[in-house]
């Protein structure tokens, strides 16, 4: 049996010519997210503070 021979081709990645840049906004108030398309703008990021002391070794529940 002989090994198969393939014609060598140069390939280019698929590019959307009219794809907006990440973070672009449209007239409907939506934001473009690559891979997801147009999504509702949720506003600025919000941070919260945790009340945990950060000890991951605490037991949860009862160990009878």
N, C-alpha and C. Protein backbone atom coordinates (compact mmCIF):
# COMPACT_ATOMS: atom_id res chain seq x y z
N UNK A 1 0.85 -1.19 0.00
CA UNK A 1 0.00 0.00 0.00
C UNK A 1 0.89 1.24 0.00
N UNK A 2 0.49 2.20 -0.78
CA UNK A 2 1.26 3.44 -0.84
C UNK A 2 0.59 4.50 0.05
N UNK A 3 1.38 5.47 0.46
CA UNK A 3 0.84 6.54 1.29
C UNK A 3 0.09 7.53 0.41
N UNK A 4 -0.99 8.10 0.92
CA UNK A 4 -1.77 9.04 0.11
C UNK A 4 -1.00 10.34 -0.11
N UNK A 5 -1.22 10.96 -1.24
CA UNK A 5 -0.59 12.24 -1.56
C UNK A 5 -1.67 13.31 -1.61
N UNK A 6 -1.38 14.45 -1.00
CA UNK A 6 -2.34 15.54 -0.95
C UNK A 6 -1.75 16.77 -1.60
N UNK A 7 -2.63 17.50 -2.27
CA UNK A 7 -2.20 18.76 -2.88
C UNK A 7 -2.04 19.80 -1.78
N UNK A 8 -0.92 20.51 -1.77
CA UNK A 8 -0.66 21.51 -0.74
C UNK A 8 -1.40 22.79 -1.08
N UNK A 9 -2.15 23.32 -0.08
CA UNK A 9 -2.91 24.55 -0.28
C UNK A 9 -2.60 25.52 0.83
N UNK A 10 -2.61 26.80 0.50
CA UNK A 10 -2.47 27.84 1.51
C UNK A 10 -3.87 28.26 1.93
N UNK A 11 -4.14 28.22 3.23
CA UNK A 11 -5.47 28.57 3.72
C UNK A 11 -5.40 29.83 4.58
N UNK A 12 -6.50 30.53 4.62
CA UNK A 12 -6.62 31.74 5.44
C UNK A 12 -7.78 31.55 6.42
N UNK A 13 -7.67 32.14 7.61
CA UNK A 13 -8.79 32.03 8.55
C UNK A 13 -10.02 32.74 8.01
N UNK A 14 -11.20 32.26 8.42
CA UNK A 14 -12.44 32.91 8.01
C UNK A 14 -12.54 34.26 8.70
N UNK A 15 -12.79 35.29 7.94
CA UNK A 15 -12.93 36.63 8.51
C UNK A 15 -14.25 37.22 8.06
N UNK A 16 -14.95 37.81 9.00
CA UNK A 16 -16.18 38.52 8.68
C UNK A 16 -15.78 39.96 8.35
N UNK A 17 -16.06 40.38 7.14
CA UNK A 17 -15.64 41.71 6.71
C UNK A 17 -16.34 42.81 7.49
N UNK A 18 -17.60 42.61 7.81
CA UNK A 18 -18.38 43.66 8.46
C UNK A 18 -18.54 43.45 9.97
N UNK A 19 -17.71 42.58 10.55
CA UNK A 19 -17.84 42.30 11.98
C UNK A 19 -17.40 43.52 12.78
N UNK A 20 -18.25 44.00 13.71
CA UNK A 20 -17.86 45.15 14.52
C UNK A 20 -16.77 44.79 15.51
N UNK A 21 -16.12 45.79 16.04
CA UNK A 21 -15.09 45.57 17.06
C UNK A 21 -15.75 45.26 18.40
N UNK A 22 -15.02 44.56 19.26
CA UNK A 22 -15.53 44.23 20.59
C UNK A 22 -15.85 45.51 21.35
N UNK A 23 -17.03 45.56 21.96
CA UNK A 23 -17.44 46.72 22.74
C UNK A 23 -18.18 47.77 21.93
N UNK A 24 -18.33 47.56 20.62
CA UNK A 24 -19.05 48.52 19.79
C UNK A 24 -20.52 48.52 20.19
N UNK A 25 -21.14 49.70 20.16
CA UNK A 25 -22.56 49.83 20.51
C UNK A 25 -23.37 50.15 19.28
N UNK A 26 -24.61 49.63 19.23
CA UNK A 26 -25.49 49.94 18.11
C UNK A 26 -26.61 50.86 18.56
N UNK A 27 -27.52 51.18 17.66
CA UNK A 27 -28.61 52.12 17.96
C UNK A 27 -29.65 51.55 18.91
N UNK A 28 -29.66 50.24 19.11
CA UNK A 28 -30.62 49.61 20.02
C UNK A 28 -30.10 49.54 21.45
N UNK A 29 -28.92 50.10 21.72
CA UNK A 29 -28.35 50.05 23.06
C UNK A 29 -27.68 48.73 23.38
N UNK A 30 -27.36 47.94 22.35
CA UNK A 30 -26.70 46.66 22.57
C UNK A 30 -25.20 46.80 22.31
N UNK A 31 -24.43 45.90 22.91
CA UNK A 31 -22.97 45.90 22.79
C UNK A 31 -22.55 44.64 22.05
N UNK A 32 -21.55 44.76 21.16
CA UNK A 32 -21.08 43.59 20.41
C UNK A 32 -20.02 42.85 21.20
N UNK A 33 -20.23 41.55 21.40
CA UNK A 33 -19.27 40.68 22.09
C UNK A 33 -18.88 39.58 21.11
N UNK A 34 -17.60 39.51 20.70
CA UNK A 34 -17.18 38.47 19.75
C UNK A 34 -17.54 37.08 20.26
N UNK A 35 -18.10 36.27 19.39
CA UNK A 35 -18.51 34.92 19.76
C UNK A 35 -19.93 34.86 20.28
N UNK A 36 -20.50 35.99 20.68
CA UNK A 36 -21.86 36.04 21.20
C UNK A 36 -22.76 36.94 20.38
N UNK A 37 -22.18 37.88 19.65
CA UNK A 37 -22.99 38.80 18.85
C UNK A 37 -23.43 40.00 19.68
N UNK A 38 -24.59 40.55 19.34
CA UNK A 38 -25.11 41.73 20.02
C UNK A 38 -25.85 41.31 21.28
N UNK A 39 -25.44 41.84 22.44
CA UNK A 39 -26.07 41.52 23.72
C UNK A 39 -26.49 42.81 24.41
N UNK A 40 -27.47 42.70 25.30
CA UNK A 40 -27.95 43.87 26.05
C UNK A 40 -26.81 44.45 26.90
N UNK A 41 -26.70 45.77 26.90
CA UNK A 41 -25.69 46.45 27.72
C UNK A 41 -26.15 46.43 29.17
N UNK A 42 -25.36 45.81 30.03
CA UNK A 42 -25.72 45.69 31.45
C UNK A 42 -25.14 46.82 32.29
N UNK A 43 -24.45 47.77 31.67
CA UNK A 43 -23.86 48.89 32.41
C UNK A 43 -22.48 48.54 32.92
N UNK A 44 -21.99 49.37 33.80
CA UNK A 44 -20.65 49.19 34.34
C UNK A 44 -20.58 47.93 35.21
N UNK A 45 -19.36 47.39 35.35
CA UNK A 45 -19.15 46.25 36.23
C UNK A 45 -19.36 46.69 37.68
N UNK A 46 -19.84 45.76 38.49
CA UNK A 46 -20.09 46.06 39.90
C UNK A 46 -19.30 45.08 40.76
N UNK A 47 -18.69 45.58 41.81
CA UNK A 47 -17.93 44.72 42.72
C UNK A 47 -18.66 44.59 44.04
N UNK A 48 -18.47 43.47 44.70
CA UNK A 48 -19.06 43.22 46.01
C UNK A 48 -17.97 42.82 46.99
N UNK A 49 -18.27 42.93 48.26
CA UNK A 49 -17.33 42.54 49.30
C UNK A 49 -17.82 41.27 49.96
N UNK A 50 -16.91 40.36 50.21
CA UNK A 50 -17.25 39.10 50.85
C UNK A 50 -17.05 39.22 52.35
N UNK A 51 -17.91 38.53 53.10
CA UNK A 51 -17.78 38.50 54.56
C UNK A 51 -16.91 37.34 55.02
N UNK A 52 -16.39 36.55 54.08
CA UNK A 52 -15.60 35.38 54.42
C UNK A 52 -14.22 35.79 54.91
N UNK A 53 -13.66 34.98 55.83
CA UNK A 53 -12.29 35.25 56.28
C UNK A 53 -11.28 34.58 55.35
N UNK A 54 -11.77 33.88 54.31
CA UNK A 54 -10.88 33.29 53.32
C UNK A 54 -10.35 31.92 53.68
N UNK A 55 -10.81 31.31 54.78
CA UNK A 55 -10.30 30.01 55.20
C UNK A 55 -11.07 28.91 54.46
N UNK A 56 -10.43 28.28 53.49
CA UNK A 56 -11.07 27.25 52.66
C UNK A 56 -11.13 25.90 53.37
N UNK A 57 -10.44 25.75 54.50
CA UNK A 57 -10.36 24.46 55.18
C UNK A 57 -11.46 24.27 56.24
N UNK A 58 -12.45 25.13 56.25
CA UNK A 58 -13.53 24.99 57.23
C UNK A 58 -14.43 23.83 56.84
N UNK A 59 -14.94 23.11 57.87
CA UNK A 59 -15.88 22.03 57.63
C UNK A 59 -17.27 22.63 57.43
N UNK A 60 -18.00 22.05 56.51
CA UNK A 60 -19.37 22.48 56.24
C UNK A 60 -20.29 21.35 56.63
N UNK A 61 -21.29 21.63 57.44
CA UNK A 61 -22.22 20.60 57.87
C UNK A 61 -21.71 19.87 59.10
N UNK A 62 -22.44 18.85 59.50
CA UNK A 62 -22.06 18.10 60.70
C UNK A 62 -21.33 16.82 60.28
N UNK A 63 -20.32 16.50 61.01
CA UNK A 63 -19.52 15.29 60.73
C UNK A 63 -19.79 14.28 61.84
N UNK A 64 -20.96 13.61 61.79
CA UNK A 64 -21.34 12.65 62.84
C UNK A 64 -20.64 11.33 62.67
